[in-house]
Amino acid sequence: MHPGSLKVGFAGTPAFALPALEALAGTPHRIAAVLTQPDRPAGRGRALRPGPVKERALELGLTVLQPASLKAPEALEALRALELDALIVVAYGLILPPAVLETPRLGCFNIHASLLPRWRGAAPIQRAILAGDAVTGVTIMRMQAGLDTGPMLAQRTLEIAPRETAGELHDRLAELGALLMVEMIGAVARGDAHETPQPAAGVSYAAKIEKREALIDWSLDATAILRAIRAFNPWPVAETRLCGAQLRIWEAEAAAPGSEGAPPGTVLAASAQGIEVACGDGAVWLTRLQLAGRKPLSAREFLNAQPLGAVRLGEP
């Protein structure tokens, strides 16, 4: 191996982990194996489909391990047999038991998409947008048994753009995390990495996103509804009901004041600019929509196919 390089493992599953895998593959460090979740059924035929990390790892010629659980003795033995210096973990999706955390010589390190200790947990990107955070970022931490509680080795901030979706922010944070991880693993290899305990103040938890949260509550104010539409794009996608049918809302923007008094969910206007809907406070313009079984359409395209009269969204 290259002098100063490490023998590392990489654990990740979804697209968020791809930039980090690519970046690590471009360093002198040797990737001994890639751990990723087992293939999952997908599509109408429910055929088993590998995750993005597995597909890319195989293209790179890397060894891929897919244990269903890291608690099984055979999984732990396979990991120990690799004799790793370090394990890089990015959105892996499986819990690492204490025995696994203790296996690599230098430890296990995680890229987390928030400024810890804010938004520990499963959905930091969406929760930051839902909460109206102006700034987020990535943290590299040493993994411990607790939920995202380990000491921090590096952290970088990123401003959230006013109309940025979770998908767009996801991609920017993934790239930032990959760059920061390369810096961190270099410092670990040189022996000059510095660890800082997470502050006791400012802890918040990013619970997993549930599909039921995507149903728009029109009694909320326009700002909260716009945040939800951005946070749930591209999944699970904010939705409402139009004459009882599912209507997904991909994009929207704030409307000018003037809709006071209209019941929440009332369609106030419909034009090529968008579909104006009253909220509990204020109104929003819906600019990209999708009926069940159809493709997403601009407001102009949608109204050409589905003219709207005096209706109230959200009613069963």
Protein backbone atom coordinates (compact mmCIF):
# COMPACT_ATOMS: atom_id res chain seq x y z
CA MET A 1 0.00 0.00 0.00
CA HIS A 2 0.92 3.65 -0.41
CA PRO A 3 2.87 5.00 2.60
CA GLY A 4 0.44 6.58 5.05
CA SER A 5 -2.57 4.92 3.47
CA LEU A 6 -5.15 2.97 5.44
CA LYS A 7 -7.02 -0.26 4.83
CA VAL A 8 -10.62 0.86 5.09
CA GLY A 9 -14.12 -0.50 4.79
CA PHE A 10 -17.04 1.49 3.43
CA ALA A 11 -20.63 1.01 4.60
CA GLY A 12 -23.45 2.71 2.71
CA THR A 13 -26.54 1.94 0.68
CA PRO A 14 -28.40 4.84 -1.03
CA ALA A 15 -27.38 7.54 -3.48
CA PHE A 16 -26.35 9.89 -0.65
CA ALA A 17 -23.31 7.64 -0.04
CA LEU A 18 -22.13 7.59 -3.67
CA PRO A 19 -20.01 10.79 -3.66
CA ALA A 20 -18.18 9.56 -0.55
CA LEU A 21 -17.50 6.16 -2.12
CA GLU A 22 -16.22 7.82 -5.30
CA ALA A 23 -14.03 10.20 -3.32
CA LEU A 24 -12.59 7.43 -1.15
CA ALA A 25 -11.84 5.35 -4.25
CA GLY A 26 -9.78 8.27 -5.56
CA THR A 27 -7.47 8.36 -2.52
CA PRO A 28 -4.40 6.23 -1.77
CA HIS A 29 -6.40 4.39 0.88
CA ARG A 30 -7.33 0.80 0.05
CA ILE A 31 -11.02 -0.11 0.19
CA ALA A 32 -10.96 -3.71 1.46
CA ALA A 33 -14.72 -4.20 1.19
CA VAL A 34 -18.01 -2.34 0.77
CA LEU A 35 -20.86 -3.21 3.14
CA THR A 36 -24.34 -2.46 1.85
CA GLN A 37 -27.86 -3.60 2.62
CA PRO A 38 -29.28 -6.70 0.91
CA ASP A 39 -30.99 -6.25 -2.46
CA ARG A 40 -34.63 -5.20 -2.11
CA PRO A 41 -37.73 -5.96 -4.21
CA ALA A 42 -38.55 -3.05 -6.50
CA GLY A 43 -40.76 -2.19 -9.45
CA ARG A 44 -44.00 -3.79 -10.53
CA GLY A 45 -42.44 -7.24 -10.81
CA ARG A 46 -40.93 -6.89 -7.31
CA ALA A 47 -37.63 -8.27 -8.62
CA LEU A 48 -34.64 -7.90 -6.33
CA ARG A 49 -32.71 -4.74 -7.12
CA PRO A 50 -29.30 -3.69 -5.75
CA GLY A 51 -28.86 -0.32 -4.12
CA PRO A 52 -26.84 2.49 -5.74
CA VAL A 53 -23.75 1.80 -3.61
CA LYS A 54 -23.63 -1.88 -4.54
CA GLU A 55 -23.95 -1.09 -8.24
CA ARG A 56 -21.11 1.43 -8.14
CA ALA A 57 -18.91 -0.74 -5.92
CA LEU A 58 -19.13 -3.60 -8.40
CA GLU A 59 -18.29 -1.23 -11.26
CA LEU A 60 -15.20 -0.20 -9.29
CA GLY A 61 -14.23 -3.85 -8.84
CA LEU A 62 -14.65 -3.78 -5.07
CA THR A 63 -15.62 -6.64 -2.79
CA VAL A 64 -19.24 -6.30 -1.66
CA LEU A 65 -20.68 -7.76 1.55
CA GLN A 66 -24.45 -7.69 2.20
CA PRO A 67 -25.21 -9.06 5.68
CA ALA A 68 -28.87 -8.86 6.70
CA SER A 69 -27.69 -7.91 10.17
CA LEU A 70 -24.35 -7.11 11.76
CA LYS A 71 -25.43 -8.86 14.95
CA ALA A 72 -24.96 -12.29 13.39
CA PRO A 73 -21.68 -13.97 14.46
CA GLU A 74 -20.73 -14.75 10.86
CA ALA A 75 -21.08 -11.08 9.88
CA LEU A 76 -18.81 -10.01 12.71
CA GLU A 77 -16.25 -12.67 11.82
CA ALA A 78 -16.25 -11.57 8.16
CA LEU A 79 -15.62 -8.00 9.26
CA ARG A 80 -12.83 -8.98 11.65
CA ALA A 81 -11.17 -11.03 8.92
CA LEU A 82 -10.73 -7.83 6.87
CA GLU A 83 -8.38 -6.41 9.54
CA LEU A 84 -9.54 -2.86 8.84
CA ASP A 85 -7.84 0.27 10.01
CA ALA A 86 -11.09 2.24 9.76
CA LEU A 87 -14.71 1.91 8.64
CA ILE A 88 -16.43 4.82 6.87
CA VAL A 89 -20.22 4.75 7.33
CA VAL A 90 -22.59 6.84 5.19
CA ALA A 91 -26.36 6.24 5.32
CA TYR A 92 -25.80 2.49 5.71
CA GLY A 93 -29.20 1.79 7.25
CA LEU A 94 -28.13 -0.97 9.66
CA ILE A 95 -27.22 -0.53 13.31
CA LEU A 96 -23.58 -1.19 14.14
CA PRO A 97 -23.39 -3.19 17.40
CA PRO A 98 -20.61 -2.35 19.91
CA ALA A 99 -18.58 -5.35 18.77
CA VAL A 100 -18.54 -3.98 15.21
CA LEU A 101 -17.68 -0.46 16.36
CA GLU A 102 -14.64 -1.89 18.17
CA THR A 103 -13.40 -3.98 15.24
CA PRO A 104 -11.48 -1.46 13.06
CA ARG A 105 -8.12 -0.51 14.56
CA LEU A 106 -8.77 3.24 14.46
CA GLY A 107 -12.56 3.16 14.76
CA CYS A 108 -15.71 3.77 12.74
CA PHE A 109 -16.48 7.21 11.29
CA ASN A 110 -19.83 8.52 10.08
CA ILE A 111 -20.84 11.30 7.69
CA HIS A 112 -24.02 12.85 9.08
CA ALA A 113 -26.06 15.40 7.13
CA SER A 114 -26.56 17.98 9.87
CA LEU A 115 -24.66 20.25 12.21
CA LEU A 116 -24.64 17.93 15.21
CA PRO A 117 -26.01 17.86 17.84
CA ARG A 118 -28.92 19.35 15.86
CA TRP A 119 -30.93 16.77 13.95
CA ARG A 120 -29.54 13.50 15.19
CA GLY A 121 -31.41 10.62 13.59
CA ALA A 122 -32.82 9.34 10.34
CA ALA A 123 -34.11 12.38 8.41
CA PRO A 124 -31.92 15.43 9.14
CA ILE A 125 -32.31 17.00 5.68
CA GLN A 126 -36.11 16.99 5.62
CA ARG A 127 -36.42 18.02 9.26
CA ALA A 128 -34.11 21.00 8.75
CA ILE A 129 -36.29 22.27 5.91
CA LEU A 130 -39.54 21.61 7.80
CA ALA A 131 -38.20 23.57 10.77
CA GLY A 132 -37.23 26.52 8.59
CA ASP A 133 -33.51 26.28 9.34
CA ALA A 134 -31.48 28.79 7.34
CA VAL A 135 -28.23 26.84 7.73
CA THR A 136 -27.34 23.16 7.88
CA GLY A 137 -24.20 21.19 7.03
CA VAL A 138 -22.33 17.94 7.52
CA THR A 139 -20.52 16.48 10.50
CA ILE A 140 -17.89 13.74 10.56
CA MET A 141 -18.05 11.91 13.89
CA ARG A 142 -16.56 8.90 15.58
CA MET A 143 -19.36 6.39 16.00
CA GLN A 144 -20.49 5.28 19.45
CA ALA A 145 -23.34 3.09 20.67
CA GLY A 146 -25.67 6.10 21.07
CA LEU A 147 -27.71 7.65 18.25
CA ASP A 148 -25.32 10.09 16.52
CA THR A 149 -23.74 11.01 19.84
CA GLY A 150 -20.02 10.48 19.11
CA PRO A 151 -17.29 13.11 19.19
CA MET A 152 -16.87 15.28 16.11
CA LEU A 153 -13.78 15.35 13.91
CA ALA A 154 -14.94 17.88 11.32
CA GLN A 155 -17.92 20.03 10.47
CA ARG A 156 -18.88 22.31 7.58
CA THR A 157 -21.90 24.57 7.19
CA LEU A 158 -24.14 25.14 4.18
CA GLU A 159 -26.86 27.72 3.68
CA ILE A 160 -30.28 26.38 2.71
CA ALA A 161 -31.60 28.30 -0.29
CA PRO A 162 -35.10 29.79 0.20
CA ARG A 163 -36.74 27.51 -2.39
CA GLU A 164 -34.41 24.52 -2.14
CA THR A 165 -35.99 21.06 -2.04
CA ALA A 166 -34.84 18.15 0.08
CA GLY A 167 -33.57 16.46 -3.08
CA GLU A 168 -31.46 19.44 -4.07
CA LEU A 169 -30.08 19.90 -0.56
CA HIS A 170 -29.41 16.14 -0.34
CA ASP A 171 -27.12 16.33 -3.39
CA ARG A 172 -25.18 19.33 -2.12
CA LEU A 173 -24.69 17.81 1.33
CA ALA A 174 -23.57 14.50 -0.17
CA GLU A 175 -20.83 16.25 -2.14
CA LEU A 176 -19.77 18.36 0.83
CA GLY A 177 -19.66 15.30 3.07
CA ALA A 178 -17.48 13.43 0.58
CA LEU A 179 -14.91 16.25 0.48
CA LEU A 180 -14.89 16.56 4.25
CA MET A 181 -14.52 12.80 4.69
CA VAL A 182 -11.40 12.74 2.51
CA GLU A 183 -9.87 15.48 4.64
CA MET A 184 -10.82 13.63 7.82
CA ILE A 185 -9.46 10.22 6.84
CA GLY A 186 -6.22 11.88 5.78
CA ALA A 187 -5.92 13.47 9.21
CA VAL A 188 -6.68 10.14 10.88
CA ALA A 189 -4.00 8.44 8.79
CA ARG A 190 -1.43 11.10 9.74
CA GLY A 191 -2.40 10.90 13.39
CA ASP A 192 -3.32 14.59 13.66
CA ALA A 193 -7.12 14.34 13.74
CA HIS A 194 -8.78 16.25 16.59
CA GLU A 195 -12.00 15.13 18.25
CA THR A 196 -14.47 17.42 20.00
CA PRO A 197 -17.34 16.22 22.18
CA GLN A 198 -20.76 17.27 20.95
CA PRO A 199 -22.29 20.14 22.93
CA ALA A 200 -24.88 19.14 25.51
CA ALA A 201 -27.11 22.03 24.43
CA GLY A 202 -28.99 22.20 21.14
CA VAL A 203 -29.78 18.50 20.75
CA SER A 204 -32.72 17.72 18.46
CA TYR A 205 -33.93 14.54 16.80
CA ALA A 206 -34.83 13.98 13.16
CA ALA A 207 -37.45 11.24 13.24
CA LYS A 208 -37.91 9.08 10.15
CA ILE A 209 -40.29 10.62 7.62
CA GLU A 210 -43.67 8.87 7.48
CA LYS A 211 -45.81 8.95 4.34
CA ARG A 212 -48.79 10.21 6.34
CA GLU A 213 -46.88 13.44 7.05
CA ALA A 214 -47.07 14.33 3.35
CA LEU A 215 -50.83 15.04 3.53
CA ILE A 216 -51.12 18.83 3.47
CA ASP A 217 -53.02 20.46 6.33
CA TRP A 218 -54.40 23.57 4.68
CA SER A 219 -55.21 25.11 8.08
CA LEU A 220 -51.48 25.69 8.58
CA ASP A 221 -49.93 28.97 7.48
CA ALA A 222 -48.53 29.34 3.96
CA THR A 223 -44.90 29.31 5.16
CA ALA A 224 -45.29 25.93 6.90
CA ILE A 225 -47.04 24.44 3.86
CA LEU A 226 -44.33 25.66 1.48
CA ARG A 227 -41.66 24.14 3.73
CA ALA A 228 -43.49 20.81 3.70
CA ILE A 229 -43.74 20.81 -0.10
CA ARG A 230 -39.98 21.41 -0.36
CA ALA A 231 -39.11 18.92 2.39
CA PHE A 232 -41.15 16.10 0.83
CA ASN A 233 -39.72 16.56 -2.67
CA PRO A 234 -38.70 14.01 -4.00
CA TRP A 235 -40.20 11.70 -1.33
CA PRO A 236 -42.88 11.07 -0.24
CA VAL A 237 -44.21 14.16 -2.13
CA ALA A 238 -46.73 16.49 -0.50
CA GLU A 239 -50.29 15.64 -1.41
CA THR A 240 -53.89 16.72 -0.98
CA ARG A 241 -57.29 15.68 -2.33
CA LEU A 242 -59.03 17.08 -5.40
CA CYS A 243 -62.67 15.95 -5.45
CA GLY A 244 -61.57 12.94 -3.42
CA ALA A 245 -58.68 11.95 -5.71
CA GLN A 246 -55.00 12.13 -4.80
CA LEU A 247 -53.25 15.28 -6.00
CA ARG A 248 -49.49 15.46 -5.44
CA ILE A 249 -47.83 18.86 -5.12
CA TRP A 250 -44.24 18.99 -6.36
CA GLU A 251 -43.61 22.74 -6.41
CA ALA A 252 -45.26 25.87 -5.05
CA GLU A 253 -44.49 29.45 -4.14
CA ALA A 254 -45.89 32.13 -1.88
CA ALA A 255 -48.86 34.18 -3.05
CA ALA A 256 -49.36 37.86 -2.34
CA PRO A 257 -51.57 38.74 0.65
CA GLY A 258 -55.26 39.19 0.01
CA SER A 259 -56.97 35.84 0.60
CA GLU A 260 -58.05 36.56 4.18
CA GLY A 261 -61.36 34.98 5.10
CA ALA A 262 -61.44 32.18 2.54
CA PRO A 263 -61.69 28.68 4.06
CA PRO A 264 -58.34 26.86 4.02
CA GLY A 265 -57.92 24.74 0.88
CA THR A 266 -60.15 26.96 -1.25
CA VAL A 267 -58.94 27.46 -4.83
CA LEU A 268 -58.88 31.25 -5.21
CA ALA A 269 -57.57 31.50 -8.77
CA ALA A 270 -56.27 29.28 -11.54
CA SER A 271 -54.10 30.42 -14.41
CA ALA A 272 -50.89 29.61 -16.24
CA GLN A 273 -49.05 31.23 -13.31
CA GLY A 274 -50.39 28.61 -10.93
CA ILE A 275 -53.31 27.56 -8.80
CA GLU A 276 -53.79 29.88 -5.83
CA VAL A 277 -54.98 28.11 -2.68
CA ALA A 278 -55.96 29.66 0.64
CA CYS A 279 -54.11 28.52 3.75
CA GLY A 280 -54.83 29.05 7.42
CA ASP A 281 -52.80 32.23 7.07
CA GLY A 282 -51.90 33.50 3.60
CA ALA A 283 -52.02 31.57 0.33
CA VAL A 284 -49.75 29.60 -2.00
CA TRP A 285 -49.46 29.19 -5.75
CA LEU A 286 -49.25 25.53 -6.79
CA THR A 287 -46.99 25.44 -9.85
CA ARG A 288 -46.28 21.74 -10.45
CA LEU A 289 -48.89 19.06 -9.77
CA GLN A 290 -49.61 15.40 -10.41
CA LEU A 291 -52.83 13.40 -10.41
CA ALA A 292 -52.65 9.73 -9.40
CA GLY A 293 -51.40 7.60 -12.28
CA ARG A 294 -50.34 10.64 -14.32
CA LYS A 295 -47.03 12.41 -14.78
CA PRO A 296 -46.15 15.70 -13.04
CA LEU A 297 -47.33 18.76 -14.97
CA SER A 298 -46.82 22.51 -14.84
CA ALA A 299 -49.86 24.50 -13.74
CA ARG A 300 -50.52 25.49 -17.37
CA GLU A 301 -50.42 21.87 -18.57
CA PHE A 302 -52.48 20.68 -15.62
CA LEU A 303 -55.27 23.21 -16.20
CA ASN A 304 -55.40 22.39 -19.90
CA ALA A 305 -56.17 18.79 -18.98
CA GLN A 306 -58.11 19.42 -15.75
CA PRO A 307 -59.96 22.75 -15.62
CA LEU A 308 -60.77 23.82 -12.07
CA GLY A 309 -63.92 25.50 -10.87
CA ALA A 310 -64.78 26.61 -7.35
CA VAL A 311 -63.36 23.69 -5.40
CA ARG A 312 -61.79 23.18 -2.02
CA LEU A 313 -58.69 21.02 -1.82
CA GLY A 314 -58.32 18.49 0.96
CA GLU A 315 -61.94 17.42 1.07
CA PRO A 316 -62.60 13.67 0.81
